[in-house]
Amino acid sequence: MMRAKTLAFGQGAEEAEMVVLSAAFVDVADLDAAADRLTSEAFGPAHAPIFAAMIQLREEGAPITTATLAARIEAAGALERIGGLEYLDLLPGYSAGLPVEPHVELVAAGAKLRHLSRVCREVADMAAGAGPQHAERVFTAAAEKLHGAFAEPDRSGPVTMTTALRTVREMAQELHDRPRTIVGTPTGFRDLDELVLGLRRGTMHVLGARPAMGKTAMALAIAVNVAMSGCGVIYVTTEVPHMQIGLRAVSLLSGTNSEAIETGTATSDQWGQIAHAFTRLGPHAGAFVVGDRTRADLAYVRRLVRRYKRTERRELGLVVVDHMHQMVTPRAASRERE
């Protein structure tokens, strides 16, 4: 077994895990720091029981020694797997002189690589066993699995009311110093903004009305206004092709009936307004993404959002789904899930 004095940073996953375990054994502060970033699943099979036992002892307020670790790991039936008490005896001096933080990152990276390897094997098996008629379903499932492999786990944990109140106080102080009637992104409709205080991050609004009452026209008007305010927009439509969305946007900005544009019967004055609409919308058109799919599902919307965040520089400010009731749900989904 390689000792700490010959260990070089970045030498390997097992060595990095051992450095973290050693530092955690010597100093509970290092254990707490590692636990904020890692779980026992982040370690290989030989080291996962050790870290899990350390966390259990720490939570119970019990001392962490080779004896207490050995007893806890033996109770879990994993002492022989980790190499016995002799392996635990290596812990005290293994990390001497080595920084723990970068090795915690190495352990986290190694865990991600192992998980990615498993996901890739699963995706390959899915592709090999599926027929062409199931290709779209396989693509969607593969995208979801690969996205999950790269996603950061939620390690934020619970917060105290003190933390919540501090956040509210800071927000209230900022609004007091700079009072405004709209907190989020303006919709372009003054009365609506007064009701909802603008479009705020993390909120969902539903436009509901009987057929042919103008729901799509209003949703598109809001989307155009948001785009022209400097935010990115994704507009998912299950009814009309992307060209119709573009046509309606130009019609909206120019005040010209879309039929006049399509038939070429617009007057000279109207054509001037149409040209001005193109000029106004042009600088923002690249950040306005239209997804036209008759059988759109939630996975499709997620893919559009992830692709937008990867490729666009403008911050995404709004996602519109037109219409929500036409979204496709998995066949096995219950009515409640739908």
Protein backbone atom coordinates (compact mmCIF):
# COMPACT_ATOMS: atom_id res chain seq x y z
CA MET A 1 0.00 0.00 0.00
CA MET A 2 1.32 3.43 -0.98
CA ARG A 3 2.02 5.72 1.96
CA ALA A 4 1.18 9.42 2.19
CA LYS A 5 4.75 10.59 1.74
CA THR A 6 4.85 9.16 -1.81
CA LEU A 7 1.33 10.20 -2.84
CA ALA A 8 1.12 12.88 -5.52
CA PHE A 9 -1.99 15.00 -6.04
CA GLY A 10 -4.14 13.66 -8.88
CA GLN A 11 -2.43 10.26 -8.91
CA GLY A 12 -5.66 8.24 -8.93
CA ALA A 13 -9.19 7.84 -7.65
CA GLU A 14 -8.41 5.32 -4.92
CA GLU A 15 -5.53 7.42 -3.60
CA ALA A 16 -7.70 10.56 -3.60
CA GLU A 17 -10.40 8.71 -1.68
CA MET A 18 -7.85 7.55 0.85
CA VAL A 19 -6.54 11.10 1.35
CA VAL A 20 -10.07 12.32 2.04
CA LEU A 21 -10.76 9.46 4.46
CA SER A 22 -7.48 10.08 6.25
CA ALA A 23 -8.13 13.81 6.62
CA ALA A 24 -11.66 13.12 7.83
CA PHE A 25 -10.33 10.62 10.36
CA VAL A 26 -7.82 13.11 11.76
CA ASP A 27 -10.03 16.22 11.82
CA VAL A 28 -13.84 16.24 12.05
CA ALA A 29 -13.82 19.66 10.37
CA ASP A 30 -12.45 17.99 7.25
CA LEU A 31 -15.10 15.28 7.62
CA ASP A 32 -17.85 17.93 7.77
CA ALA A 33 -16.39 19.68 4.72
CA ALA A 34 -16.25 16.41 2.78
CA ALA A 35 -19.80 15.50 3.81
CA ASP A 36 -21.06 18.79 2.39
CA ARG A 37 -19.76 17.71 -1.03
CA LEU A 38 -19.83 13.92 -0.99
CA THR A 39 -21.94 10.94 0.02
CA SER A 40 -20.69 7.42 0.61
CA GLU A 41 -21.86 6.51 -2.91
CA ALA A 42 -19.14 8.81 -4.29
CA PHE A 43 -16.48 6.39 -3.04
CA GLY A 44 -15.45 3.08 -4.53
CA PRO A 45 -16.73 -0.18 -2.99
CA ALA A 46 -13.68 -0.55 -0.73
CA HIS A 47 -13.97 2.95 0.73
CA ALA A 48 -17.73 3.61 0.78
CA PRO A 49 -18.30 1.64 4.03
CA ILE A 50 -15.55 3.63 5.76
CA PHE A 51 -17.01 7.01 4.87
CA ALA A 52 -20.54 5.85 5.73
CA ALA A 53 -19.34 4.66 9.15
CA MET A 54 -17.57 7.99 9.76
CA ILE A 55 -20.76 9.92 8.97
CA GLN A 56 -22.81 7.71 11.28
CA LEU A 57 -20.38 8.11 14.16
CA ARG A 58 -20.18 11.86 13.60
CA GLU A 59 -23.97 12.22 13.63
CA GLU A 60 -24.17 10.19 16.85
CA GLY A 61 -21.44 12.29 18.49
CA ALA A 62 -19.31 9.18 19.00
CA PRO A 63 -15.50 9.26 18.75
CA ILE A 64 -14.01 8.26 15.40
CA THR A 65 -11.17 5.81 16.02
CA THR A 66 -9.94 2.73 14.24
CA ALA A 67 -11.71 0.62 16.86
CA THR A 68 -15.09 2.37 16.54
CA LEU A 69 -14.82 2.36 12.76
CA ALA A 70 -13.96 -1.33 12.70
CA ALA A 71 -16.89 -2.18 14.95
CA ARG A 72 -19.35 -0.18 12.86
CA ILE A 73 -18.09 -1.55 9.54
CA GLU A 74 -18.04 -5.12 10.88
CA ALA A 75 -21.65 -4.71 12.00
CA ALA A 76 -22.47 -3.81 8.40
CA GLY A 77 -20.68 -6.95 7.19
CA ALA A 78 -18.07 -5.02 5.21
CA LEU A 79 -14.90 -5.24 7.30
CA GLU A 80 -13.32 -7.97 5.20
CA ARG A 81 -14.19 -6.11 2.00
CA ILE A 82 -12.26 -3.00 3.02
CA GLY A 83 -9.16 -4.95 4.00
CA GLY A 84 -9.73 -5.44 7.71
CA LEU A 85 -8.40 -3.54 10.69
CA GLU A 86 -4.95 -3.38 9.09
CA TYR A 87 -6.29 -1.13 6.35
CA LEU A 88 -7.93 1.19 8.88
CA ASP A 89 -4.57 1.51 10.65
CA LEU A 90 -3.29 3.34 7.56
CA LEU A 91 -5.75 6.22 8.03
CA PRO A 92 -4.01 8.43 10.62
CA GLY A 93 -0.94 9.38 8.60
CA TYR A 94 -2.03 8.89 4.99
CA SER A 95 -2.97 12.50 4.26
CA ALA A 96 -0.04 14.16 6.03
CA GLY A 97 0.90 17.36 4.20
CA LEU A 98 -1.71 16.95 1.46
CA PRO A 99 -4.57 19.43 0.85
CA VAL A 100 -7.96 17.82 1.35
CA GLU A 101 -10.14 20.16 -0.75
CA PRO A 102 -8.72 19.27 -4.19
CA HIS A 103 -8.89 15.59 -3.32
CA VAL A 104 -12.57 15.98 -2.40
CA GLU A 105 -13.07 17.37 -5.91
CA LEU A 106 -11.16 14.42 -7.36
CA VAL A 107 -13.41 11.98 -5.53
CA ALA A 108 -16.50 13.81 -6.79
CA ALA A 109 -15.14 13.77 -10.35
CA GLY A 110 -14.33 10.07 -10.12
CA ALA A 111 -17.87 9.35 -8.95
CA LYS A 112 -19.28 11.28 -11.90
CA LEU A 113 -17.11 9.34 -14.33
CA ARG A 114 -18.23 6.01 -12.89
CA HIS A 115 -21.85 7.10 -13.08
CA LEU A 116 -21.39 8.33 -16.65
CA SER A 117 -19.85 5.00 -17.60
CA ARG A 118 -22.87 3.15 -16.21
CA VAL A 119 -25.29 5.47 -17.98
CA CYS A 120 -23.46 5.07 -21.30
CA ARG A 121 -23.71 1.29 -21.00
CA GLU A 122 -27.43 1.58 -20.25
CA VAL A 123 -27.95 3.89 -23.24
CA ALA A 124 -26.00 1.52 -25.50
CA ASP A 125 -28.13 -1.42 -24.32
CA MET A 126 -31.31 0.59 -24.95
CA ALA A 127 -30.22 1.49 -28.47
CA ALA A 128 -29.15 -2.07 -29.28
CA GLY A 129 -32.45 -3.55 -28.14
CA ALA A 130 -34.83 -1.03 -29.71
CA GLY A 131 -36.40 -1.11 -33.13
CA PRO A 132 -36.58 1.87 -35.51
CA GLN A 133 -40.20 2.48 -34.56
CA HIS A 134 -39.06 3.25 -31.00
CA ALA A 135 -36.18 5.54 -31.99
CA GLU A 136 -37.78 8.76 -30.76
CA ARG A 137 -38.55 7.22 -27.38
CA VAL A 138 -34.98 5.95 -27.07
CA PHE A 139 -33.58 9.38 -28.01
CA THR A 140 -35.68 11.03 -25.33
CA ALA A 141 -34.75 8.49 -22.65
CA ALA A 142 -31.06 8.69 -23.58
CA ALA A 143 -31.09 12.49 -23.37
CA GLU A 144 -32.73 12.33 -19.94
CA LYS A 145 -30.22 9.80 -18.66
CA LEU A 146 -27.21 11.71 -19.98
CA HIS A 147 -28.51 14.98 -18.58
CA GLY A 148 -28.94 13.32 -15.20
CA ALA A 149 -25.36 12.06 -15.35
CA PHE A 150 -24.06 15.61 -15.63
CA ALA A 151 -26.52 17.26 -13.26
CA GLU A 152 -25.24 18.47 -9.91
CA PRO A 153 -26.96 16.78 -6.96
CA ASP A 154 -28.93 19.02 -4.65
CA ARG A 155 -26.71 19.29 -1.57
CA SER A 156 -28.11 22.53 -0.27
CA GLY A 157 -29.95 20.89 2.61
CA PRO A 158 -32.50 22.56 4.90
CA VAL A 159 -32.08 26.14 6.08
CA THR A 160 -33.11 27.80 9.33
CA MET A 161 -35.73 30.52 9.54
CA THR A 162 -32.85 32.87 10.38
CA THR A 163 -31.42 32.31 6.89
CA ALA A 164 -34.83 32.74 5.27
CA LEU A 165 -35.49 35.97 7.18
CA ARG A 166 -32.07 37.31 6.22
CA THR A 167 -32.86 36.75 2.55
CA VAL A 168 -36.27 38.42 2.89
CA ARG A 169 -34.75 41.36 4.75
CA GLU A 170 -32.14 41.89 2.04
CA MET A 171 -34.81 41.77 -0.65
CA ALA A 172 -37.09 44.13 1.28
CA GLN A 173 -34.24 46.58 1.87
CA GLU A 174 -33.32 46.56 -1.81
CA LEU A 175 -36.93 47.23 -2.82
CA HIS A 176 -37.20 49.99 -0.21
CA ASP A 177 -34.08 51.67 -1.56
CA ARG A 178 -35.28 51.27 -5.15
CA PRO A 179 -39.08 50.98 -5.06
CA ARG A 180 -40.76 49.61 -8.16
CA THR A 181 -44.18 48.25 -8.98
CA ILE A 182 -42.88 45.38 -11.14
CA VAL A 183 -40.51 42.85 -9.61
CA GLY A 184 -40.10 40.49 -12.57
CA THR A 185 -39.86 40.89 -16.34
CA PRO A 186 -42.63 43.12 -17.75
CA THR A 187 -45.22 41.39 -19.92
CA GLY A 188 -45.98 44.55 -21.87
CA PHE A 189 -49.53 44.62 -20.46
CA ARG A 190 -49.72 47.20 -17.68
CA ASP A 191 -52.82 45.85 -15.94
CA LEU A 192 -51.45 42.31 -16.01
CA ASP A 193 -48.10 43.43 -14.63
CA GLU A 194 -49.87 45.16 -11.74
CA LEU A 195 -51.63 41.89 -10.91
CA VAL A 196 -48.67 39.47 -11.15
CA LEU A 197 -45.81 42.00 -10.57
CA GLY A 198 -44.18 40.87 -13.81
CA LEU A 199 -42.91 37.43 -14.79
CA ARG A 200 -40.76 36.24 -11.90
CA ARG A 201 -38.23 33.43 -12.01
CA GLY A 202 -39.64 30.03 -11.05
CA THR A 203 -43.31 30.98 -11.44
CA MET A 204 -45.89 29.51 -13.81
CA HIS A 205 -48.90 31.36 -15.23
CA VAL A 206 -51.77 29.73 -17.11
CA LEU A 207 -53.85 31.59 -19.70
CA GLY A 208 -57.33 30.07 -19.71
CA ALA A 209 -60.34 30.92 -21.85
CA ARG A 210 -62.84 29.40 -24.27
CA PRO A 211 -61.64 28.53 -27.80
CA ALA A 212 -60.93 31.39 -30.22
CA MET A 213 -60.76 34.01 -27.47
CA GLY A 214 -57.18 35.09 -28.20
CA LYS A 215 -55.07 32.96 -25.83
CA THR A 216 -52.37 32.32 -28.44
CA ALA A 217 -52.34 35.97 -29.53
CA MET A 218 -51.84 37.15 -25.96
CA ALA A 219 -49.18 34.53 -25.19
CA LEU A 220 -47.28 35.49 -28.34
CA ALA A 221 -47.58 39.19 -27.53
CA ILE A 222 -46.11 38.58 -24.08
CA ALA A 223 -43.31 36.45 -25.58
CA VAL A 224 -42.44 39.16 -28.12
CA ASN A 225 -42.41 41.84 -25.43
CA VAL A 226 -40.16 39.73 -23.20
CA ALA A 227 -37.76 39.09 -26.10
CA MET A 228 -37.61 42.78 -26.98
CA SER A 229 -36.87 43.62 -23.34
CA GLY A 230 -33.59 41.70 -23.67
CA CYS A 231 -34.51 38.24 -22.34
CA GLY A 232 -34.46 34.95 -24.21
CA VAL A 233 -37.71 33.16 -25.07
CA ILE A 234 -38.64 29.59 -25.97
CA TYR A 235 -42.05 29.24 -27.60
CA VAL A 236 -43.35 25.67 -27.89
CA THR A 237 -46.36 25.37 -30.18
CA THR A 238 -48.36 22.20 -30.73
CA GLU A 239 -50.76 23.71 -33.27
CA VAL A 240 -49.01 25.85 -35.89
CA PRO A 241 -45.64 25.70 -37.70
CA HIS A 242 -42.83 28.08 -36.83
CA MET A 243 -43.47 30.21 -39.93
CA GLN A 244 -46.93 31.06 -38.63
CA ILE A 245 -45.46 32.17 -35.32
CA GLY A 246 -43.08 34.46 -37.17
CA LEU A 247 -45.93 35.79 -39.31
CA ARG A 248 -48.08 36.50 -36.28
CA ALA A 249 -45.20 38.26 -34.54
CA VAL A 250 -44.71 40.58 -37.53
CA SER A 251 -48.45 41.14 -37.74
CA LEU A 252 -48.54 42.00 -34.04
CA LEU A 253 -45.71 44.54 -34.22
CA SER A 254 -46.84 46.12 -37.46
CA GLY A 255 -50.54 46.29 -36.62
CA THR A 256 -51.27 44.67 -39.98
CA ASN A 257 -53.66 41.77 -40.46
CA SER A 258 -51.68 38.58 -41.16
CA GLU A 259 -53.98 37.78 -44.08
CA ALA A 260 -52.90 40.99 -45.81
CA ILE A 261 -49.27 39.96 -45.40
CA GLU A 262 -49.89 36.45 -46.71
CA THR A 263 -51.89 37.56 -49.73
CA GLY A 264 -49.72 40.58 -50.57
CA THR A 265 -52.69 42.95 -50.35
CA ALA A 266 -51.21 45.25 -47.69
CA THR A 267 -51.20 48.94 -48.54
CA SER A 268 -48.03 50.99 -49.01
CA ASP A 269 -48.36 52.41 -45.51
CA GLN A 270 -48.85 48.91 -44.10
CA TRP A 271 -45.76 47.64 -45.92
CA GLY A 272 -43.80 50.43 -44.29
CA GLN A 273 -45.06 49.26 -40.88
CA ILE A 274 -44.19 45.68 -41.77
CA ALA A 275 -40.63 46.67 -42.70
CA HIS A 276 -40.35 48.57 -39.41
CA ALA A 277 -41.56 45.46 -37.53
CA PHE A 278 -38.78 43.39 -39.10
CA THR A 279 -36.27 46.04 -38.06
CA ARG A 280 -37.52 46.11 -34.47
CA LEU A 281 -37.69 42.34 -34.05
CA GLY A 282 -34.51 41.49 -35.97
CA PRO A 283 -31.94 42.11 -33.18
CA HIS A 284 -33.94 39.88 -30.81
CA ALA A 285 -35.01 37.15 -33.23
CA GLY A 286 -31.91 35.01 -32.61
CA ALA A 287 -32.81 34.64 -28.94
CA PHE A 288 -36.45 33.76 -29.70
CA VAL A 289 -36.59 29.98 -30.24
CA VAL A 290 -39.71 28.33 -31.67
CA GLY A 291 -40.29 24.62 -31.17
CA ASP A 292 -43.15 23.40 -33.35
CA ARG A 293 -44.11 19.81 -32.64
CA THR A 294 -47.61 18.37 -32.67
CA ARG A 295 -46.75 15.70 -30.09
CA ALA A 296 -44.52 17.66 -27.72
CA ASP A 297 -43.84 16.24 -24.30
CA LEU A 298 -42.06 17.49 -21.20
CA ALA A 299 -38.80 15.84 -22.24
CA TYR A 300 -38.89 17.81 -25.52
CA VAL A 301 -39.32 21.09 -23.63
CA ARG A 302 -36.43 20.18 -21.34
CA ARG A 303 -34.21 19.45 -24.32
CA LEU A 304 -35.00 22.85 -25.82
CA VAL A 305 -34.18 24.59 -22.53
CA ARG A 306 -30.90 22.70 -22.09
CA ARG A 307 -29.88 23.38 -25.70
CA TYR A 308 -30.73 27.07 -25.29
CA LYS A 309 -28.61 27.40 -22.16
CA ARG A 310 -25.69 25.71 -23.92
CA THR A 311 -25.77 27.74 -27.11
CA GLU A 312 -27.29 31.15 -26.35
CA ARG A 313 -25.64 34.00 -24.49
CA ARG A 314 -28.86 35.78 -23.56
CA GLU A 315 -30.47 34.72 -20.28
CA LEU A 316 -33.63 32.67 -20.73
CA GLY A 317 -36.54 34.69 -19.38
CA LEU A 318 -39.67 32.87 -20.54
CA VAL A 319 -40.89 29.47 -21.75
CA VAL A 320 -44.32 29.37 -23.41
CA VAL A 321 -46.23 26.14 -24.09
CA ASP A 322 -49.14 26.59 -26.49
CA HIS A 323 -51.29 24.63 -25.69
CA MET A 324 -50.61 22.82 -22.43
CA HIS A 325 -53.55 20.43 -22.74
CA GLN A 326 -52.09 19.07 -25.99
CA MET A 327 -48.84 18.02 -24.36
CA VAL A 328 -48.18 14.28 -24.62
CA THR A 329 -47.72 12.22 -21.45
CA PRO A 330 -46.24 8.72 -21.12
CA ARG A 331 -48.71 5.92 -21.75
CA ALA A 332 -48.28 4.54 -18.26
CA ALA A 333 -48.93 7.91 -16.62
CA SER A 334 -51.93 8.17 -14.33
CA ARG A 335 -54.51 10.92 -14.69
CA GLU A 336 -52.94 12.70 -11.68
CA ARG A 337 -49.48 12.49 -13.28
CA GLU A 338 -50.87 13.79 -16.58
